[in-house]
Amino acid sequence: MSELDVQVRDGVATLTLNHPASRNALSLSMKEALAAAVAAVAADAQVRAVILAGAGGAFCAGGDLRSMQEHRPQATVQSWRRRMRALHPLIRTLVALDKPLVAAVDGAAFGAGFSLALSADFVLASPEARFCMSFLRLGLVPDFAAMYTLPRVVGVQRAKELMLSARELGAEEARQLGIALEVVPAPALLARAHEIAAGFVGASPLAVSHIKAGLGMSLATDLDRALADEADRQAMCFETESHRDAVRRFLAKEPASFRWPAPGRTPT
């Protein structure tokens, strides 16, 4: 059984962490499979949106403690640092992905699993979802870019509270804090994720890419640089076929190719 199930359908790639016995904990082999799959969908122009999910009623329980313990007899600070840095290409690709990324969270999203969900543009949670920055329980610091992503979602003070308390939060609190976009019944969770992801198949890929990139640098720039960047990105988008077709449809009173969310595109 593969630890990562990859399905591509009608422009949407679905990556499902698939080791229910460990609640989809991130073993070394799963990390390697995820890194390869994310790199592949990032480079595939036919893939217009990506869904990240977990099998068996859990999203991801975090790092695989058993494999970490197996590594410990030979471990040094330098070897731990190398192991962590080996993940950086995967994390950078996820956070900077130029396609919409939807996380469908059912059950546990603990530790690095919570961090993994935070790399998504949209987090959908089932009522059974549980989020926890559990690192301090193990004497560790949050990783998988959580110290970058979480404050951008909830603010620095709330990020401190979640990381330093290592407490669990449920789906509704996650929605109230802005971590989850919607709470969706578990049986409808993947269908809703597909509905949102499929909506972007009709969107301008260049405009989507530029919106994500522009927002990604918005907290690290000033107004003048943001305006200059905005002008450059908009100028490029004006010259795309997606823009020309959208204007033609608007003037002809035809349905737009992009609507949120795309109705009638959920899998059967």
Protein backbone atom coordinates (compact mmCIF):
# COMPACT_ATOMS: atom_id res chain seq x y z
CA MET A 1 0.00 0.00 0.00
CA SER A 2 1.37 3.40 -0.97
CA GLU A 3 1.72 5.90 1.86
CA LEU A 4 0.58 8.65 -0.50
CA ASP A 5 -2.30 8.32 -2.93
CA VAL A 6 -2.11 10.68 -5.90
CA GLN A 7 -5.11 11.24 -8.15
CA VAL A 8 -5.37 13.79 -10.97
CA ARG A 9 -8.78 14.44 -12.44
CA ASP A 10 -10.08 17.29 -14.61
CA GLY A 11 -7.27 19.65 -13.65
CA VAL A 12 -7.37 18.90 -9.90
CA ALA A 13 -4.69 16.86 -8.13
CA THR A 14 -5.66 15.15 -4.86
CA LEU A 15 -2.81 14.07 -2.58
CA THR A 16 -3.99 11.80 0.22
CA LEU A 17 -1.72 10.84 3.11
CA ASN A 18 -2.44 7.13 3.38
CA HIS A 19 -1.18 5.42 6.52
CA PRO A 20 -4.25 5.26 8.78
CA ALA A 21 -2.54 2.97 11.30
CA SER A 22 -0.28 5.87 12.33
CA ARG A 23 -2.98 8.49 11.72
CA ASN A 24 -0.91 9.47 8.68
CA ALA A 25 2.17 10.46 10.67
CA LEU A 26 4.93 11.85 8.48
CA SER A 27 7.46 9.05 8.15
CA LEU A 28 10.60 9.61 6.09
CA SER A 29 9.13 7.62 3.19
CA MET A 30 5.88 9.61 3.32
CA LYS A 31 7.82 12.90 3.32
CA GLU A 32 9.82 11.75 0.31
CA ALA A 33 6.67 10.67 -1.54
CA LEU A 34 4.94 13.95 -0.68
CA ALA A 35 7.95 15.98 -1.83
CA ALA A 36 8.03 14.17 -5.18
CA ALA A 37 4.27 14.50 -5.69
CA VAL A 38 4.18 18.21 -4.79
CA ALA A 39 7.09 18.93 -7.13
CA ALA A 40 5.31 17.04 -9.92
CA VAL A 41 1.98 18.84 -9.58
CA ALA A 42 3.73 22.20 -9.22
CA ALA A 43 5.44 21.61 -12.58
CA ASP A 44 2.35 20.25 -14.36
CA ALA A 45 0.56 23.03 -16.25
CA GLN A 46 -2.51 20.78 -16.62
CA VAL A 47 -2.98 20.75 -12.83
CA ARG A 48 -4.79 23.94 -11.87
CA ALA A 49 -5.52 23.26 -8.18
CA VAL A 50 -4.42 20.81 -5.48
CA ILE A 51 -6.21 19.11 -2.59
CA LEU A 52 -4.36 17.73 0.43
CA ALA A 53 -6.21 15.18 2.56
CA GLY A 54 -5.68 12.28 4.93
CA ALA A 55 -7.12 8.77 4.87
CA GLY A 56 -8.89 6.86 7.62
CA GLY A 57 -10.46 9.68 9.61
CA ALA A 58 -7.27 11.61 10.34
CA PHE A 59 -5.43 14.35 8.47
CA CYS A 60 -1.93 13.98 9.91
CA ALA A 61 -0.77 13.22 13.45
CA GLY A 62 2.55 15.01 12.91
CA GLY A 63 6.04 13.57 12.75
CA ASP A 64 6.62 9.84 13.02
CA LEU A 65 8.08 9.49 16.53
CA ARG A 66 9.00 5.84 15.99
CA SER A 67 11.29 6.66 13.07
CA MET A 68 12.76 9.56 15.03
CA GLN A 69 13.63 7.19 17.87
CA GLU A 70 15.30 4.79 15.44
CA HIS A 71 17.48 7.68 14.28
CA ARG A 72 18.34 8.83 17.81
CA PRO A 73 21.31 6.48 18.63
CA GLN A 74 23.33 8.03 15.81
CA ALA A 75 21.85 11.52 16.10
CA THR A 76 23.77 14.74 16.64
CA VAL A 77 22.71 18.37 16.44
CA GLN A 78 24.24 18.42 12.97
CA SER A 79 22.35 15.34 11.79
CA TRP A 80 19.02 16.67 13.11
CA ARG A 81 19.73 19.96 11.33
CA ARG A 82 20.40 18.10 8.06
CA ARG A 83 17.15 16.13 8.43
CA MET A 84 15.18 19.31 8.99
CA ARG A 85 16.82 21.18 6.13
CA ALA A 86 16.12 18.28 3.80
CA LEU A 87 12.43 19.18 4.17
CA HIS A 88 12.89 22.77 3.10
CA PRO A 89 12.36 22.22 -0.66
CA LEU A 90 9.00 20.54 0.06
CA ILE A 91 7.92 23.26 2.48
CA ARG A 92 8.98 26.07 0.14
CA THR A 93 7.14 24.48 -2.76
CA LEU A 94 3.95 24.06 -0.71
CA VAL A 95 3.95 27.56 0.75
CA ALA A 96 4.88 29.21 -2.57
CA LEU A 97 2.75 26.94 -4.77
CA ASP A 98 1.36 29.04 -7.62
CA LYS A 99 -1.89 27.05 -7.69
CA PRO A 100 -4.69 27.06 -5.11
CA LEU A 101 -4.11 24.49 -2.37
CA VAL A 102 -7.10 23.20 -0.38
CA ALA A 103 -6.58 21.16 2.80
CA ALA A 104 -9.44 18.85 3.77
CA VAL A 105 -8.91 18.20 7.48
CA ASP A 106 -10.78 15.37 9.17
CA GLY A 107 -9.67 14.20 12.60
CA ALA A 108 -6.21 14.97 13.95
CA ALA A 109 -4.00 17.71 12.55
CA PHE A 110 -1.31 17.69 15.21
CA GLY A 111 2.23 19.04 15.22
CA ALA A 112 3.62 19.02 11.70
CA GLY A 113 0.16 17.95 10.53
CA PHE A 114 -1.22 21.28 11.74
CA SER A 115 1.73 23.02 10.08
CA LEU A 116 1.02 21.14 6.86
CA ALA A 117 -2.60 22.32 6.86
CA LEU A 118 -1.42 25.90 7.36
CA SER A 119 0.49 25.75 4.08
CA ALA A 120 -2.87 25.58 2.27
CA ASP A 121 -4.75 28.58 0.92
CA PHE A 122 -8.06 27.19 2.15
CA VAL A 123 -8.59 24.83 5.08
CA LEU A 124 -11.86 22.93 5.29
CA ALA A 125 -12.50 21.11 8.55
CA SER A 126 -14.95 18.41 9.50
CA PRO A 127 -16.66 18.74 12.90
CA GLU A 128 -14.31 15.98 14.09
CA ALA A 129 -11.17 17.95 13.14
CA ARG A 130 -8.73 18.69 15.96
CA PHE A 131 -5.80 21.07 15.58
CA CYS A 132 -2.86 21.19 17.98
CA MET A 133 0.60 22.79 17.97
CA SER A 134 1.77 19.88 20.10
CA PHE A 135 5.52 20.45 19.76
CA LEU A 136 6.13 21.83 23.25
CA ARG A 137 4.64 18.65 24.74
CA LEU A 138 7.73 16.93 23.29
CA GLY A 139 10.19 19.68 24.18
CA LEU A 140 10.40 20.83 20.56
CA VAL A 141 9.71 24.00 18.60
CA PRO A 142 7.06 24.21 15.85
CA ASP A 143 8.43 23.31 12.44
CA PHE A 144 7.26 22.80 8.85
CA ALA A 145 7.13 26.64 8.60
CA ALA A 146 4.51 27.03 11.35
CA MET A 147 6.32 29.99 12.88
CA TYR A 148 6.00 31.69 9.49
CA THR A 149 2.46 30.66 8.56
CA LEU A 150 0.49 30.63 11.83
CA PRO A 151 1.14 34.28 12.86
CA ARG A 152 0.06 35.37 9.39
CA VAL A 153 -3.29 33.65 9.96
CA VAL A 154 -4.07 34.40 13.62
CA GLY A 155 -1.62 37.16 14.63
CA VAL A 156 1.50 36.91 16.78
CA GLN A 157 -0.17 36.91 20.22
CA ARG A 158 -2.62 34.13 19.35
CA ALA A 159 0.16 32.13 17.66
CA LYS A 160 2.18 32.38 20.88
CA GLU A 161 -0.81 31.15 22.88
CA LEU A 162 -1.41 28.17 20.59
CA MET A 163 2.28 27.21 20.44
CA LEU A 164 3.15 27.79 24.09
CA SER A 165 0.00 26.16 25.48
CA ALA A 166 0.11 23.23 23.03
CA ARG A 167 -3.64 23.00 23.52
CA GLU A 168 -6.12 21.43 21.15
CA LEU A 169 -8.74 23.41 19.33
CA GLY A 170 -11.80 22.07 17.59
CA ALA A 171 -13.18 22.82 14.17
CA GLU A 172 -15.47 25.68 15.16
CA GLU A 173 -12.76 27.51 17.11
CA ALA A 174 -10.41 26.99 14.17
CA ARG A 175 -13.01 28.61 11.94
CA GLN A 176 -13.47 31.53 14.34
CA LEU A 177 -9.71 32.11 14.42
CA GLY A 178 -9.49 32.07 10.63
CA ILE A 179 -7.53 28.81 10.49
CA ALA A 180 -10.42 26.97 8.84
CA LEU A 181 -12.48 28.62 6.13
CA GLU A 182 -15.50 26.36 6.62
CA VAL A 183 -16.70 23.49 8.79
CA VAL A 184 -18.16 20.78 6.57
CA PRO A 185 -19.72 17.44 7.60
CA ALA A 186 -17.17 14.67 7.18
CA PRO A 187 -19.09 12.80 4.44
CA ALA A 188 -19.16 15.98 2.32
CA LEU A 189 -15.64 17.21 3.13
CA LEU A 190 -13.78 15.95 0.06
CA ALA A 191 -16.67 16.84 -2.24
CA ARG A 192 -16.59 20.41 -0.95
CA ALA A 193 -12.80 20.53 -1.37
CA HIS A 194 -13.20 19.34 -4.97
CA GLU A 195 -15.93 21.90 -5.55
CA ILE A 196 -13.64 24.75 -4.49
CA ALA A 197 -10.56 23.38 -6.26
CA ALA A 198 -12.44 22.69 -9.49
CA GLY A 199 -13.65 26.28 -9.59
CA PHE A 200 -10.08 27.38 -10.32
CA VAL A 201 -9.81 25.20 -13.43
CA GLY A 202 -11.58 28.03 -15.28
CA ALA A 203 -9.53 30.81 -13.67
CA SER A 204 -6.52 32.54 -15.21
CA PRO A 205 -3.49 30.57 -13.98
CA LEU A 206 -1.27 33.64 -14.31
CA ALA A 207 -3.65 35.84 -12.31
CA VAL A 208 -3.99 33.16 -9.61
CA SER A 209 -0.22 32.81 -9.44
CA HIS A 210 0.31 36.56 -9.17
CA ILE A 211 -2.37 37.00 -6.50
CA LYS A 212 -0.77 34.30 -4.36
CA ALA A 213 2.75 35.67 -4.88
CA GLY A 214 1.66 39.24 -4.19
CA LEU A 215 -0.08 38.27 -0.96
CA GLY A 216 2.91 36.16 0.02
CA MET A 217 5.16 39.21 0.09
CA SER A 218 2.57 41.69 1.36
CA LEU A 219 3.77 41.66 4.98
CA ALA A 220 7.40 42.15 4.00
CA THR A 221 7.13 45.21 1.78
CA ASP A 222 6.09 48.86 1.81
CA LEU A 223 3.34 50.62 -0.13
CA ASP A 224 5.54 51.93 -2.94
CA ARG A 225 7.04 48.51 -3.66
CA ALA A 226 3.61 46.89 -3.41
CA LEU A 227 2.21 49.37 -5.96
CA ALA A 228 5.11 48.79 -8.35
CA ASP A 229 4.74 45.03 -8.01
CA GLU A 230 0.98 45.31 -8.54
CA ALA A 231 1.49 47.32 -11.75
CA ASP A 232 3.96 44.77 -13.13
CA ARG A 233 1.70 41.82 -12.37
CA GLN A 234 -1.42 43.52 -13.74
CA ALA A 235 0.34 44.50 -16.97
CA MET A 236 1.24 40.86 -17.61
CA CYS A 237 -2.29 39.69 -16.87
CA PHE A 238 -3.81 42.24 -19.28
CA GLU A 239 -2.00 40.45 -22.11
CA THR A 240 -3.31 36.94 -21.36
CA GLU A 241 -5.91 35.04 -23.33
CA SER A 242 -7.72 34.41 -20.02
CA HIS A 243 -8.34 38.15 -19.61
CA ARG A 244 -9.40 38.64 -23.21
CA ASP A 245 -11.81 35.70 -23.02
CA ALA A 246 -13.26 36.93 -19.69
CA VAL A 247 -13.93 40.38 -21.18
CA ARG A 248 -15.50 38.84 -24.29
CA ARG A 249 -17.79 36.69 -22.13
CA PHE A 250 -18.76 39.68 -19.99
CA LEU A 251 -19.63 41.87 -22.97
CA ALA A 252 -21.53 39.04 -24.65
CA LYS A 253 -23.40 38.34 -21.39
CA GLU A 254 -22.11 34.75 -21.40
CA PRO A 255 -21.36 32.78 -18.19
CA ALA A 256 -17.90 33.43 -16.79
CA SER A 257 -15.38 30.61 -16.98
CA PHE A 258 -14.44 31.22 -13.34
CA ARG A 259 -17.04 31.22 -10.58
CA TRP A 260 -16.72 30.58 -6.87
CA PRO A 261 -17.23 27.75 -6.28
CA ALA A 262 -17.82 25.98 -9.55
CA PRO A 263 -21.30 24.42 -9.25
CA GLY A 264 -21.92 20.91 -10.46
CA ARG A 265 -18.24 19.88 -10.60
CA THR A 266 -18.12 17.73 -7.48
CA PRO A 267 -17.07 14.12 -8.13
CA THR A 268 -19.81 11.51 -8.40
